[in-house]
Amino acid sequence: DTGELVVNDHGDAGDAVVVLDIASGEERARVATGSPVQSVVFPAAGFGRDLWYTSFAGVAHVRVA
């Protein structure tokens, strides 16, 4: 109901979690996960505006502050 889509973006700086606006494609938020390798696992939704990101290198809890 927020009109947002969560995706991963892997680049030279490592893997990041990115929140996109579904209607416009605009990037609303981006956070580095600290993982040097790309995640091949879908994030797990939390109970609020949060999610759990997993990769071969670690686990990160991402939430809207």
C-alpha atoms as a PDB file:
ATOM      1  CA  ASP A   1       0.000   0.000   0.000  1.00  0.00           C
ATOM      2  CA  THR A   2       3.056   2.324   0.021  1.00  0.00           C
ATOM      3  CA  GLY A   3       3.550   2.175  -3.753  1.00  0.00           C
ATOM      4  CA  GLU A   4       7.122   1.012  -3.268  1.00  0.00           C
ATOM      5  CA  LEU A   5       9.225  -1.854  -4.619  1.00  0.00           C
ATOM      6  CA  VAL A   6      12.406  -3.125  -2.954  1.00  0.00           C
ATOM      7  CA  VAL A   7      15.264  -4.309  -5.196  1.00  0.00           C
ATOM      8  CA  ASN A   8      18.963  -5.067  -4.858  1.00  0.00           C
ATOM      9  CA  ASP A   9      21.641  -3.177  -6.781  1.00  0.00           C
ATOM     10  CA  HIS A  10      25.161  -4.558  -6.988  1.00  0.00           C
ATOM     11  CA  GLY A  11      28.039  -2.312  -8.054  1.00  0.00           C
ATOM     12  CA  ASP A  12      31.683  -1.577  -7.334  1.00  0.00           C
ATOM     13  CA  ALA A  13      30.815  -0.534  -3.759  1.00  0.00           C
ATOM     14  CA  GLY A  14      29.039  -3.848  -3.030  1.00  0.00           C
ATOM     15  CA  ASP A  15      25.391  -4.752  -2.697  1.00  0.00           C
ATOM     16  CA  ALA A  16      22.706  -2.195  -1.810  1.00  0.00           C
ATOM     17  CA  VAL A  17      18.988  -2.346  -1.021  1.00  0.00           C
ATOM     18  CA  VAL A  18      17.038   0.195  -3.080  1.00  0.00           C
ATOM     19  CA  VAL A  19      13.424   1.353  -2.667  1.00  0.00           C
ATOM     20  CA  LEU A  20      11.725   2.433  -5.899  1.00  0.00           C
ATOM     21  CA  ASP A  21       8.442   4.257  -6.492  1.00  0.00           C
ATOM     22  CA  ILE A  22       6.273   1.844  -8.480  1.00  0.00           C
ATOM     23  CA  ALA A  23       4.496   4.534 -10.531  1.00  0.00           C
ATOM     24  CA  SER A  24       7.490   6.664 -11.541  1.00  0.00           C
ATOM     25  CA  GLY A  25      10.489   4.355 -11.072  1.00  0.00           C
ATOM     26  CA  GLU A  26      12.106   7.098  -8.971  1.00  0.00           C
ATOM     27  CA  GLU A  27      14.591   5.960  -6.351  1.00  0.00           C
ATOM     28  CA  ARG A  28      13.184   6.786  -2.897  1.00  0.00           C
ATOM     29  CA  ALA A  29      15.942   5.297  -0.742  1.00  0.00           C
ATOM     30  CA  ARG A  30      19.204   3.380  -0.934  1.00  0.00           C
ATOM     31  CA  VAL A  31      21.288   1.732   1.770  1.00  0.00           C
ATOM     32  CA  ALA A  32      24.543  -0.211   1.541  1.00  0.00           C
ATOM     33  CA  THR A  33      24.300  -3.699   3.029  1.00  0.00           C
ATOM     34  CA  GLY A  34      27.999  -4.160   3.688  1.00  0.00           C
ATOM     35  CA  SER A  35      28.018  -7.286   1.542  1.00  0.00           C
ATOM     36  CA  PRO A  36      30.818  -7.443  -1.049  1.00  0.00           C
ATOM     37  CA  VAL A  37      28.947 -10.174  -2.959  1.00  0.00           C
ATOM     38  CA  GLN A  38      25.614  -9.969  -4.727  1.00  0.00           C
ATOM     39  CA  SER A  39      22.652 -11.517  -2.937  1.00  0.00           C
ATOM     40  CA  VAL A  40      20.829 -14.263  -4.812  1.00  0.00           C
ATOM     41  CA  VAL A  41      18.114 -14.536  -2.134  1.00  0.00           C
ATOM     42  CA  PHE A  42      14.907 -12.488  -1.998  1.00  0.00           C
ATOM     43  CA  PRO A  43      14.600 -10.235   1.068  1.00  0.00           C
ATOM     44  CA  ALA A  44      12.178 -11.311   3.789  1.00  0.00           C
ATOM     45  CA  ALA A  45       9.488  -8.818   4.801  1.00  0.00           C
ATOM     46  CA  GLY A  46       9.364  -7.734   8.426  1.00  0.00           C
ATOM     47  CA  PHE A  47       6.349  -6.643  10.441  1.00  0.00           C
ATOM     48  CA  GLY A  48       6.570  -2.876   9.791  1.00  0.00           C
ATOM     49  CA  ARG A  49       8.436  -0.943   7.165  1.00  0.00           C
ATOM     50  CA  ASP A  50      11.415  -3.267   7.453  1.00  0.00           C
ATOM     51  CA  LEU A  51      12.997  -6.288   5.790  1.00  0.00           C
ATOM     52  CA  TRP A  52      15.752  -8.835   6.286  1.00  0.00           C
ATOM     53  CA  TYR A  53      18.453  -8.965   3.605  1.00  0.00           C
ATOM     54  CA  THR A  54      20.581 -12.100   3.307  1.00  0.00           C
ATOM     55  CA  SER A  55      23.636 -12.899   1.220  1.00  0.00           C
ATOM     56  CA  PHE A  56      26.512 -15.360   1.353  1.00  0.00           C
ATOM     57  CA  ALA A  57      28.480 -12.750   3.309  1.00  0.00           C
ATOM     58  CA  GLY A  58      25.946 -11.796   5.968  1.00  0.00           C
ATOM     59  CA  VAL A  59      22.524 -10.682   7.126  1.00  0.00           C
ATOM     60  CA  ALA A  60      21.240  -7.107   7.430  1.00  0.00           C
ATOM     61  CA  HIS A  61      18.064  -5.717   8.991  1.00  0.00           C
ATOM     62  CA  VAL A  62      16.859  -2.753   6.927  1.00  0.00           C
ATOM     63  CA  ARG A  63      14.106  -0.439   8.196  1.00  0.00           C
ATOM     64  CA  VAL A  64      12.672   3.011   7.597  1.00  0.00           C
ATOM     65  CA  ALA A  65      13.774   5.266  10.449  1.00  0.00           C
END
